[in-house]
Amino acid sequence: MKAGKFLIILLWILLSKCYDVYCTYLHTPDLSKEGNPLVSVLGFNWDWLLIVICSLTIYICYTLYLITFKSINLYPLEKEYSFSNCIGYMYLGKKSSWLTIFYRFPKEIKRFHFFYGNILVRFGIFSGVISTIMWVLINNFEFYKDIHNHLVIYGILSFGMFIIVYQDFKTNYNKYQLS
């Protein structure tokens, strides 16, 4: 069961990323129409863009493997932690506010991988759905080409990321309270 779920998610992440890169290349081989901030703001060329995309995809696949087959308990042993303190503990391994995820680094790299891996895998799945739908619409429906806006796509991705992070935190807090 675990292996099957792992393979399905792994294949989706890999195939959707490959499809996104392929369609991007077909649509804008010179990247002049690319909305990705790595290109539009930082000026990345194909080489650097592919290095970043491949590196992030490999990391997401690695953390998918970890959270599927090597899971660890990140929850505090003590009861009565608040939502904020529980999230902070899951990240750092000691009682702290959830805000520490923005400015501190856990002593154990394993915690970092499991904490962010959970979120990145979910975002990899979600962003694959959004980019695939976007490319299917661009490639098959003329009306969409006229209304497509990369800022709307990045807005959907950002809002989705917020929901994914909050849902992951809330789910983990509920599991902590039940344990």
N, C-alpha and C. Protein backbone atom coordinates (compact mmCIF):
# COMPACT_ATOMS: atom_id res chain seq x y z
N MET A 1 0.82 -1.20 0.00
CA MET A 1 0.00 0.00 0.00
C MET A 1 0.86 1.27 0.00
N LYS A 2 1.84 1.32 0.92
CA LYS A 2 2.73 2.48 0.97
C LYS A 2 3.50 2.65 -0.33
N ALA A 3 4.01 1.54 -0.86
CA ALA A 3 4.81 1.60 -2.08
C ALA A 3 3.96 2.08 -3.26
N GLY A 4 2.73 1.61 -3.34
CA GLY A 4 1.84 2.03 -4.43
C GLY A 4 1.53 3.52 -4.37
N LYS A 5 1.20 4.01 -3.18
CA LYS A 5 0.92 5.44 -2.99
C LYS A 5 2.17 6.27 -3.32
N PHE A 6 3.32 5.79 -2.84
CA PHE A 6 4.58 6.46 -3.12
C PHE A 6 4.81 6.58 -4.63
N LEU A 7 4.64 5.48 -5.35
CA LEU A 7 4.89 5.48 -6.80
C LEU A 7 3.92 6.39 -7.55
N ILE A 8 2.67 6.38 -7.15
CA ILE A 8 1.68 7.25 -7.82
C ILE A 8 2.04 8.72 -7.62
N ILE A 9 2.34 9.10 -6.39
CA ILE A 9 2.70 10.49 -6.10
C ILE A 9 4.00 10.86 -6.81
N LEU A 10 4.99 9.98 -6.73
CA LEU A 10 6.28 10.22 -7.39
C LEU A 10 6.10 10.43 -8.89
N LEU A 11 5.34 9.54 -9.52
CA LEU A 11 5.11 9.66 -10.96
C LEU A 11 4.37 10.95 -11.30
N TRP A 12 3.37 11.30 -10.48
CA TRP A 12 2.64 12.54 -10.76
C TRP A 12 3.58 13.75 -10.68
N ILE A 13 4.38 13.82 -9.64
CA ILE A 13 5.28 14.96 -9.48
C ILE A 13 6.25 15.02 -10.65
N LEU A 14 6.86 13.90 -11.00
CA LEU A 14 7.83 13.88 -12.10
C LEU A 14 7.19 14.19 -13.45
N LEU A 15 6.07 13.55 -13.74
CA LEU A 15 5.41 13.76 -15.04
C LEU A 15 4.87 15.18 -15.18
N SER A 16 4.28 15.71 -14.11
CA SER A 16 3.73 17.06 -14.21
C SER A 16 4.84 18.10 -14.35
N LYS A 17 5.98 17.88 -13.70
CA LYS A 17 7.10 18.81 -13.86
C LYS A 17 7.67 18.73 -15.28
N CYS A 18 7.81 17.50 -15.77
CA CYS A 18 8.31 17.33 -17.15
C CYS A 18 7.37 17.96 -18.16
N TYR A 19 6.07 17.77 -17.97
CA TYR A 19 5.08 18.37 -18.86
C TYR A 19 5.15 19.89 -18.82
N ASP A 20 5.31 20.45 -17.64
CA ASP A 20 5.43 21.90 -17.49
C ASP A 20 6.66 22.43 -18.23
N VAL A 21 7.79 21.77 -18.05
CA VAL A 21 9.02 22.21 -18.73
C VAL A 21 8.87 22.07 -20.24
N TYR A 22 8.33 20.94 -20.69
CA TYR A 22 8.13 20.69 -22.12
C TYR A 22 7.24 21.75 -22.74
N CYS A 23 6.10 22.01 -22.12
CA CYS A 23 5.17 23.02 -22.65
C CYS A 23 5.77 24.42 -22.62
N THR A 24 6.50 24.71 -21.56
CA THR A 24 7.17 26.00 -21.49
C THR A 24 8.14 26.17 -22.66
N TYR A 25 8.91 25.12 -22.93
CA TYR A 25 9.86 25.18 -24.04
C TYR A 25 9.14 25.38 -25.37
N LEU A 26 8.03 24.66 -25.58
CA LEU A 26 7.27 24.81 -26.83
C LEU A 26 6.69 26.22 -26.96
N HIS A 27 6.22 26.75 -25.84
CA HIS A 27 5.55 28.06 -25.84
C HIS A 27 6.54 29.22 -25.95
N THR A 28 7.66 29.09 -25.29
CA THR A 28 8.64 30.18 -25.29
C THR A 28 10.06 29.63 -25.21
N PRO A 29 10.59 29.13 -26.34
CA PRO A 29 11.93 28.51 -26.32
C PRO A 29 13.03 29.46 -25.82
N ASP A 30 12.83 30.75 -26.02
CA ASP A 30 13.84 31.72 -25.56
C ASP A 30 13.49 32.30 -24.19
N LEU A 31 12.41 31.82 -23.58
CA LEU A 31 11.92 32.25 -22.27
C LEU A 31 11.44 33.71 -22.22
N SER A 32 11.25 34.32 -23.37
CA SER A 32 10.83 35.73 -23.39
C SER A 32 9.42 35.93 -22.86
N LYS A 33 8.58 34.90 -22.91
CA LYS A 33 7.20 35.00 -22.41
C LYS A 33 7.02 34.32 -21.07
N GLU A 34 8.11 33.88 -20.46
CA GLU A 34 8.03 33.12 -19.20
C GLU A 34 7.71 34.04 -18.03
N GLY A 35 6.73 33.61 -17.22
CA GLY A 35 6.31 34.39 -16.06
C GLY A 35 7.01 34.00 -14.77
N ASN A 36 7.73 32.89 -14.76
CA ASN A 36 8.43 32.44 -13.55
C ASN A 36 9.38 33.54 -13.09
N PRO A 37 9.28 33.97 -11.83
CA PRO A 37 10.15 35.04 -11.32
C PRO A 37 11.65 34.73 -11.45
N LEU A 38 12.01 33.45 -11.45
CA LEU A 38 13.42 33.12 -11.65
C LEU A 38 13.90 33.63 -13.00
N VAL A 39 13.01 33.64 -13.97
CA VAL A 39 13.34 34.12 -15.31
C VAL A 39 13.01 35.60 -15.45
N SER A 40 11.75 35.96 -15.11
CA SER A 40 11.29 37.33 -15.36
C SER A 40 11.93 38.37 -14.44
N VAL A 41 12.31 37.96 -13.23
CA VAL A 41 12.91 38.92 -12.30
C VAL A 41 14.43 38.73 -12.20
N LEU A 42 14.85 37.48 -12.01
CA LEU A 42 16.28 37.21 -11.80
C LEU A 42 17.06 36.97 -13.09
N GLY A 43 16.35 36.80 -14.20
CA GLY A 43 17.03 36.66 -15.49
C GLY A 43 17.65 35.30 -15.76
N PHE A 44 17.17 34.25 -15.10
CA PHE A 44 17.72 32.91 -15.35
C PHE A 44 17.52 32.50 -16.80
N ASN A 45 18.51 31.79 -17.34
CA ASN A 45 18.36 31.17 -18.66
C ASN A 45 17.90 29.72 -18.46
N TRP A 46 17.77 28.97 -19.56
CA TRP A 46 17.30 27.59 -19.45
C TRP A 46 18.18 26.74 -18.54
N ASP A 47 19.49 26.90 -18.65
CA ASP A 47 20.40 26.09 -17.83
C ASP A 47 20.12 26.27 -16.34
N TRP A 48 20.10 27.51 -15.89
CA TRP A 48 19.88 27.78 -14.47
C TRP A 48 18.47 27.42 -14.04
N LEU A 49 17.49 27.68 -14.91
CA LEU A 49 16.11 27.33 -14.58
C LEU A 49 15.97 25.82 -14.39
N LEU A 50 16.56 25.04 -15.28
CA LEU A 50 16.49 23.58 -15.17
C LEU A 50 17.25 23.06 -13.95
N ILE A 51 18.36 23.69 -13.63
CA ILE A 51 19.10 23.28 -12.42
C ILE A 51 18.24 23.47 -11.18
N VAL A 52 17.57 24.61 -11.08
CA VAL A 52 16.72 24.88 -9.92
C VAL A 52 15.52 23.94 -9.90
N ILE A 53 14.84 23.80 -11.04
CA ILE A 53 13.66 22.92 -11.10
C ILE A 53 14.05 21.48 -10.78
N CYS A 54 15.12 21.00 -11.39
CA CYS A 54 15.55 19.61 -11.14
C CYS A 54 15.97 19.42 -9.68
N SER A 55 16.70 20.36 -9.13
CA SER A 55 17.14 20.25 -7.74
C SER A 55 15.95 20.21 -6.78
N LEU A 56 14.99 21.10 -6.97
CA LEU A 56 13.81 21.11 -6.11
C LEU A 56 12.99 19.85 -6.28
N THR A 57 12.86 19.38 -7.51
CA THR A 57 12.09 18.16 -7.76
C THR A 57 12.76 16.95 -7.13
N ILE A 58 14.07 16.87 -7.23
CA ILE A 58 14.80 15.76 -6.59
C ILE A 58 14.64 15.83 -5.08
N TYR A 59 14.73 17.02 -4.51
CA TYR A 59 14.55 17.16 -3.06
C TYR A 59 13.14 16.75 -2.64
N ILE A 60 12.14 17.17 -3.40
CA ILE A 60 10.76 16.79 -3.09
C ILE A 60 10.60 15.28 -3.16
N CYS A 61 11.18 14.64 -4.16
CA CYS A 61 11.10 13.18 -4.29
C CYS A 61 11.82 12.49 -3.13
N TYR A 62 12.95 13.03 -2.72
CA TYR A 62 13.68 12.49 -1.57
C TYR A 62 12.85 12.59 -0.30
N THR A 63 12.23 13.75 -0.07
CA THR A 63 11.43 13.89 1.15
C THR A 63 10.16 13.06 1.06
N LEU A 64 9.63 12.86 -0.14
CA LEU A 64 8.49 11.94 -0.30
C LEU A 64 8.89 10.55 0.16
N TYR A 65 10.07 10.11 -0.23
CA TYR A 65 10.57 8.80 0.21
C TYR A 65 10.68 8.77 1.74
N LEU A 66 11.27 9.81 2.33
CA LEU A 66 11.42 9.85 3.79
C LEU A 66 10.09 9.79 4.52
N ILE A 67 9.16 10.64 4.13
CA ILE A 67 7.90 10.69 4.87
C ILE A 67 7.05 9.45 4.62
N THR A 68 7.31 8.74 3.52
CA THR A 68 6.55 7.52 3.23
C THR A 68 7.13 6.31 3.96
N PHE A 69 8.45 6.16 3.92
CA PHE A 69 9.07 4.92 4.41
C PHE A 69 9.90 5.07 5.68
N LYS A 70 10.25 6.27 6.08
CA LYS A 70 11.12 6.47 7.24
C LYS A 70 10.54 7.46 8.23
N SER A 71 9.23 7.50 8.37
CA SER A 71 8.61 8.55 9.17
C SER A 71 9.09 8.53 10.62
N ILE A 72 9.09 9.72 11.20
CA ILE A 72 9.47 9.89 12.61
C ILE A 72 8.37 10.69 13.31
N ASN A 73 8.35 10.61 14.61
CA ASN A 73 7.38 11.36 15.41
C ASN A 73 8.01 12.70 15.79
N LEU A 74 7.43 13.76 15.28
CA LEU A 74 7.93 15.10 15.58
C LEU A 74 7.19 15.77 16.73
N TYR A 75 6.16 15.11 17.26
CA TYR A 75 5.30 15.73 18.26
C TYR A 75 5.96 15.80 19.64
N PRO A 76 5.60 16.83 20.41
CA PRO A 76 6.11 16.92 21.78
C PRO A 76 5.59 15.76 22.63
N LEU A 77 6.39 15.34 23.60
CA LEU A 77 5.96 14.29 24.51
C LEU A 77 5.01 14.84 25.58
N GLU A 78 5.22 16.10 25.96
CA GLU A 78 4.36 16.74 26.95
C GLU A 78 3.03 17.11 26.30
N LYS A 79 1.98 17.10 27.12
CA LYS A 79 0.66 17.49 26.63
C LYS A 79 0.44 18.98 26.89
N GLU A 80 -0.62 19.48 26.36
CA GLU A 80 -1.07 20.85 26.62
C GLU A 80 -0.28 21.93 25.88
N TYR A 81 0.45 21.56 24.83
CA TYR A 81 1.10 22.59 24.01
C TYR A 81 0.03 23.32 23.20
N SER A 82 0.21 24.62 23.03
CA SER A 82 -0.69 25.38 22.18
C SER A 82 -0.40 25.04 20.71
N PHE A 83 -1.26 25.46 19.82
CA PHE A 83 -1.07 25.25 18.38
C PHE A 83 0.30 25.79 17.96
N SER A 84 0.58 27.03 18.33
CA SER A 84 1.83 27.67 17.97
C SER A 84 3.04 26.92 18.51
N ASN A 85 2.99 26.55 19.79
CA ASN A 85 4.11 25.84 20.41
C ASN A 85 4.31 24.44 19.83
N CYS A 86 3.23 23.79 19.48
CA CYS A 86 3.33 22.45 18.88
C CYS A 86 4.05 22.53 17.53
N ILE A 87 3.67 23.49 16.71
CA ILE A 87 4.31 23.65 15.40
C ILE A 87 5.78 24.01 15.58
N GLY A 88 6.07 24.92 16.50
CA GLY A 88 7.46 25.28 16.80
C GLY A 88 8.26 24.08 17.27
N TYR A 89 7.66 23.25 18.12
CA TYR A 89 8.34 22.05 18.61
C TYR A 89 8.60 21.06 17.47
N MET A 90 7.60 20.87 16.63
CA MET A 90 7.78 19.94 15.51
C MET A 90 8.97 20.36 14.64
N TYR A 91 9.18 21.65 14.50
CA TYR A 91 10.27 22.15 13.66
C TYR A 91 11.61 22.13 14.39
N LEU A 92 11.66 22.64 15.61
CA LEU A 92 12.94 22.78 16.32
C LEU A 92 13.26 21.65 17.29
N GLY A 93 12.23 20.93 17.75
CA GLY A 93 12.46 19.89 18.74
C GLY A 93 12.46 20.42 20.16
N LYS A 94 12.02 21.66 20.32
CA LYS A 94 11.87 22.24 21.65
C LYS A 94 10.75 23.27 21.61
N LYS A 95 10.21 23.58 22.77
CA LYS A 95 9.06 24.49 22.83
C LYS A 95 9.46 25.86 22.30
N SER A 96 8.71 26.31 21.31
CA SER A 96 8.93 27.64 20.73
C SER A 96 7.71 28.01 19.90
N SER A 97 7.66 29.23 19.48
CA SER A 97 6.55 29.72 18.67
C SER A 97 6.66 29.20 17.23
N TRP A 98 5.54 29.10 16.56
CA TRP A 98 5.55 28.67 15.16
C TRP A 98 6.33 29.63 14.29
N LEU A 99 6.48 30.86 14.70
CA LEU A 99 7.21 31.85 13.91
C LEU A 99 8.70 31.50 13.74
N THR A 100 9.20 30.61 14.59
CA THR A 100 10.61 30.23 14.49
C THR A 100 10.93 29.53 13.17
N ILE A 101 9.90 29.03 12.48
CA ILE A 101 10.15 28.37 11.19
C ILE A 101 10.70 29.35 10.16
N PHE A 102 10.55 30.64 10.42
CA PHE A 102 11.02 31.66 9.48
C PHE A 102 12.45 32.15 9.76
N TYR A 103 12.93 31.95 10.97
CA TYR A 103 14.24 32.55 11.28
C TYR A 103 15.20 31.65 12.05
N ARG A 104 14.82 30.43 12.34
CA ARG A 104 15.73 29.51 13.03
C ARG A 104 15.87 28.25 12.21
N PHE A 105 16.90 27.50 12.48
CA PHE A 105 17.15 26.25 11.79
C PHE A 105 17.27 25.15 12.83
N PRO A 106 16.58 24.02 12.64
CA PRO A 106 16.67 22.95 13.65
C PRO A 106 18.07 22.36 13.72
N LYS A 107 18.45 21.86 14.91
CA LYS A 107 19.76 21.25 15.09
C LYS A 107 19.86 19.93 14.32
N GLU A 108 18.74 19.25 14.19
CA GLU A 108 18.72 17.98 13.46
C GLU A 108 18.20 18.22 12.05
N ILE A 109 19.00 17.93 11.04
CA ILE A 109 18.59 18.12 9.66
C ILE A 109 17.39 17.22 9.32
N LYS A 110 17.29 16.09 10.03
CA LYS A 110 16.18 15.17 9.81
C LYS A 110 14.84 15.88 10.07
N ARG A 111 14.79 16.68 11.13
CA ARG A 111 13.57 17.44 11.43
C ARG A 111 13.22 18.37 10.30
N PHE A 112 14.20 19.04 9.77
CA PHE A 112 13.99 19.97 8.65
C PHE A 112 13.38 19.23 7.47
N HIS A 113 13.97 18.09 7.11
CA HIS A 113 13.48 17.31 5.97
C HIS A 113 12.04 16.85 6.17
N PHE A 114 11.72 16.35 7.35
CA PHE A 114 10.37 15.85 7.59
C PHE A 114 9.36 16.99 7.69
N PHE A 115 9.75 18.08 8.35
CA PHE A 115 8.84 19.21 8.54
C PHE A 115 8.50 19.84 7.19
N TYR A 116 9.53 20.24 6.44
CA TYR A 116 9.28 20.89 5.16
C TYR A 116 8.96 19.90 4.05
N GLY A 117 9.45 18.68 4.16
CA GLY A 117 9.15 17.67 3.16
C GLY A 117 7.67 17.42 3.03
N ASN A 118 6.99 17.31 4.15
CA ASN A 118 5.54 17.11 4.16
C ASN A 118 4.84 18.21 3.36
N ILE A 119 5.25 19.43 3.59
CA ILE A 119 4.63 20.58 2.92
C ILE A 119 5.02 20.62 1.45
N LEU A 120 6.28 20.41 1.14
CA LEU A 120 6.74 20.49 -0.25
C LEU A 120 6.14 19.40 -1.13
N VAL A 121 5.96 18.21 -0.59
CA VAL A 121 5.33 17.14 -1.37
C VAL A 121 3.90 17.54 -1.72
N ARG A 122 3.17 18.03 -0.75
CA ARG A 122 1.80 18.46 -1.02
C ARG A 122 1.76 19.60 -2.03
N PHE A 123 2.70 20.53 -1.90
CA PHE A 123 2.74 21.64 -2.85
C PHE A 123 3.17 21.15 -4.23
N GLY A 124 4.05 20.17 -4.30
CA GLY A 124 4.45 19.60 -5.59
C GLY A 124 3.26 18.97 -6.31
N ILE A 125 2.43 18.29 -5.56
CA ILE A 125 1.21 17.70 -6.14
C ILE A 125 0.27 18.80 -6.63
N PHE A 126 0.02 19.78 -5.77
CA PHE A 126 -0.88 20.88 -6.09
C PHE A 126 -0.38 21.70 -7.28
N SER A 127 0.89 22.08 -7.26
CA SER A 127 1.42 22.90 -8.36
C SER A 127 1.42 22.12 -9.67
N GLY A 128 1.60 20.80 -9.59
CA GLY A 128 1.50 19.96 -10.79
C GLY A 128 0.10 19.99 -11.38
N VAL A 129 -0.92 19.96 -10.52
CA VAL A 129 -2.31 20.05 -10.99
C VAL A 129 -2.55 21.40 -11.66
N ILE A 130 -2.14 22.47 -11.00
CA ILE A 130 -2.37 23.82 -11.53
C ILE A 130 -1.64 24.02 -12.86
N SER A 131 -0.36 23.64 -12.93
CA SER A 131 0.39 23.84 -14.18
C SER A 131 -0.15 22.97 -15.31
N THR A 132 -0.58 21.76 -14.99
CA THR A 132 -1.13 20.87 -16.02
C THR A 132 -2.44 21.44 -16.57
N ILE A 133 -3.32 21.87 -15.68
CA ILE A 133 -4.57 22.48 -16.14
C ILE A 133 -4.28 23.72 -16.98
N MET A 134 -3.34 24.54 -16.52
CA MET A 134 -2.99 25.75 -17.25
C MET A 134 -2.52 25.42 -18.67
N TRP A 135 -1.61 24.44 -18.80
CA TRP A 135 -1.08 24.10 -20.11
C TRP A 135 -2.11 23.43 -21.01
N VAL A 136 -2.99 22.62 -20.43
CA VAL A 136 -4.07 22.02 -21.23
C VAL A 136 -4.97 23.13 -21.78
N LEU A 137 -5.29 24.11 -20.95
CA LEU A 137 -6.11 25.24 -21.40
C LEU A 137 -5.39 26.07 -22.47
N ILE A 138 -4.13 26.39 -22.24
CA ILE A 138 -3.37 27.18 -23.22
C ILE A 138 -3.27 26.45 -24.55
N ASN A 139 -3.00 25.16 -24.50
CA ASN A 139 -2.76 24.39 -25.72
C ASN A 139 -4.03 23.98 -26.47
N ASN A 140 -5.19 24.07 -25.82
CA ASN A 140 -6.40 23.54 -26.46
C ASN A 140 -7.57 24.51 -26.58
N PHE A 141 -7.51 25.64 -25.93
CA PHE A 141 -8.65 26.55 -25.93
C PHE A 141 -8.19 27.98 -26.23
N GLU A 142 -8.62 28.49 -27.38
CA GLU A 142 -8.23 29.84 -27.79
C GLU A 142 -8.67 30.91 -26.79
N PHE A 143 -9.89 30.76 -26.25
CA PHE A 143 -10.39 31.78 -25.33
C PHE A 143 -9.47 31.95 -24.13
N TYR A 144 -8.84 30.85 -23.70
CA TYR A 144 -7.99 30.93 -22.50
C TYR A 144 -6.71 31.71 -22.78
N LYS A 145 -6.20 31.59 -23.99
CA LYS A 145 -4.96 32.32 -24.33
C LYS A 145 -5.15 33.82 -24.12
N ASP A 146 -6.37 34.30 -24.41
CA ASP A 146 -6.65 35.74 -24.27
C ASP A 146 -6.79 36.17 -22.81
N ILE A 147 -7.20 35.26 -21.95
CA ILE A 147 -7.42 35.65 -20.55
C ILE A 147 -6.32 35.16 -19.61
N HIS A 148 -5.41 34.31 -20.12
CA HIS A 148 -4.34 33.78 -19.26
C HIS A 148 -3.49 34.92 -18.70
N ASN A 149 -3.20 34.82 -17.42
CA ASN A 149 -2.36 35.82 -16.77
C ASN A 149 -1.49 35.10 -15.74
N HIS A 150 -0.19 35.22 -15.90
CA HIS A 150 0.71 34.51 -14.98
C HIS A 150 0.55 34.99 -13.53
N LEU A 151 0.14 36.23 -13.35
CA LEU A 151 -0.06 36.72 -11.98
C LEU A 151 -1.24 36.00 -11.29
N VAL A 152 -2.27 35.67 -12.06
CA VAL A 152 -3.39 34.91 -11.51
C VAL A 152 -2.91 33.51 -11.12
N ILE A 153 -2.11 32.90 -11.99
CA ILE A 153 -1.58 31.56 -11.70
C ILE A 153 -0.74 31.59 -10.42
N TYR A 154 0.14 32.58 -10.29
CA TYR A 154 0.96 32.68 -9.08
C TYR A 154 0.12 33.03 -7.86
N GLY A 155 -0.97 33.76 -8.06
CA GLY A 155 -1.90 34.02 -6.95
C GLY A 155 -2.56 32.73 -6.48
N ILE A 156 -2.99 31.90 -7.44
CA ILE A 156 -3.60 30.61 -7.09
C ILE A 156 -2.58 29.73 -6.37
N LEU A 157 -1.36 29.70 -6.88
CA LEU A 157 -0.31 28.89 -6.24
C LEU A 157 -0.01 29.39 -4.83
N SER A 158 0.07 30.70 -4.65
CA SER A 158 0.35 31.27 -3.33
C SER A 158 -0.77 30.99 -2.35
N PHE A 159 -2.01 31.19 -2.79
CA PHE A 159 -3.15 30.92 -1.93
C PHE A 159 -3.20 29.43 -1.59
N GLY A 160 -2.95 28.59 -2.58
CA GLY A 160 -2.92 27.15 -2.36
C GLY A 160 -1.84 26.76 -1.36
N MET A 161 -0.67 27.38 -1.46
CA MET A 161 0.42 27.10 -0.53
C MET A 161 0.01 27.47 0.90
N PHE A 162 -0.64 28.60 1.04
CA PHE A 162 -1.12 29.02 2.36
C PHE A 162 -2.08 27.99 2.93
N ILE A 163 -3.02 27.53 2.12
CA ILE A 163 -4.00 26.52 2.57
C ILE A 163 -3.29 25.21 2.92
N ILE A 164 -2.34 24.79 2.09
CA ILE A 164 -1.61 23.54 2.33
C ILE A 164 -0.85 23.62 3.65
N VAL A 165 -0.15 24.71 3.88
CA VAL A 165 0.62 24.87 5.12
C VAL A 165 -0.31 24.88 6.33
N TYR A 166 -1.37 25.67 6.26
CA TYR A 166 -2.30 25.74 7.39
C TYR A 166 -2.93 24.37 7.66
N GLN A 167 -3.36 23.70 6.60
CA GLN A 167 -4.00 22.39 6.76
C GLN A 167 -3.03 21.37 7.35
N ASP A 168 -1.78 21.41 6.90
CA ASP A 168 -0.77 20.49 7.43
C ASP A 168 -0.53 20.77 8.92
N PHE A 169 -0.40 22.04 9.28
CA PHE A 169 -0.21 22.40 10.68
C PHE A 169 -1.41 21.96 11.52
N LYS A 170 -2.62 22.23 11.03
CA LYS A 170 -3.83 21.90 11.78
C LYS A 170 -3.97 20.38 11.94
N THR A 171 -3.70 19.63 10.87
CA THR A 171 -3.77 18.17 10.94
C THR A 171 -2.77 17.63 11.95
N ASN A 172 -1.54 18.14 11.91
CA ASN A 172 -0.53 17.68 12.87
C ASN A 172 -0.88 18.06 14.30
N TYR A 173 -1.43 19.23 14.48
CA TYR A 173 -1.83 19.62 15.83
C TYR A 173 -2.95 18.73 16.36
N ASN A 174 -3.91 18.39 15.51
CA ASN A 174 -5.00 17.50 15.91
C ASN A 174 -4.45 16.11 16.24
N LYS A 175 -3.49 15.61 15.46
CA LYS A 175 -2.89 14.32 15.76
C LYS A 175 -2.13 14.36 17.09
N TYR A 176 -1.42 15.45 17.32
CA TYR A 176 -0.71 15.63 18.59
C TYR A 176 -1.68 15.59 19.76
N GLN A 177 -2.80 16.28 19.64
CA GLN A 177 -3.77 16.31 20.73
C GLN A 177 -4.39 14.93 20.98
N LEU A 178 -4.51 14.11 19.95
CA LEU A 178 -5.09 12.78 20.11
C LEU A 178 -4.09 11.75 20.61
N SER A 179 -2.80 12.05 20.46
CA SER A 179 -1.78 11.07 20.87
C SER A 179 -1.59 11.01 22.36
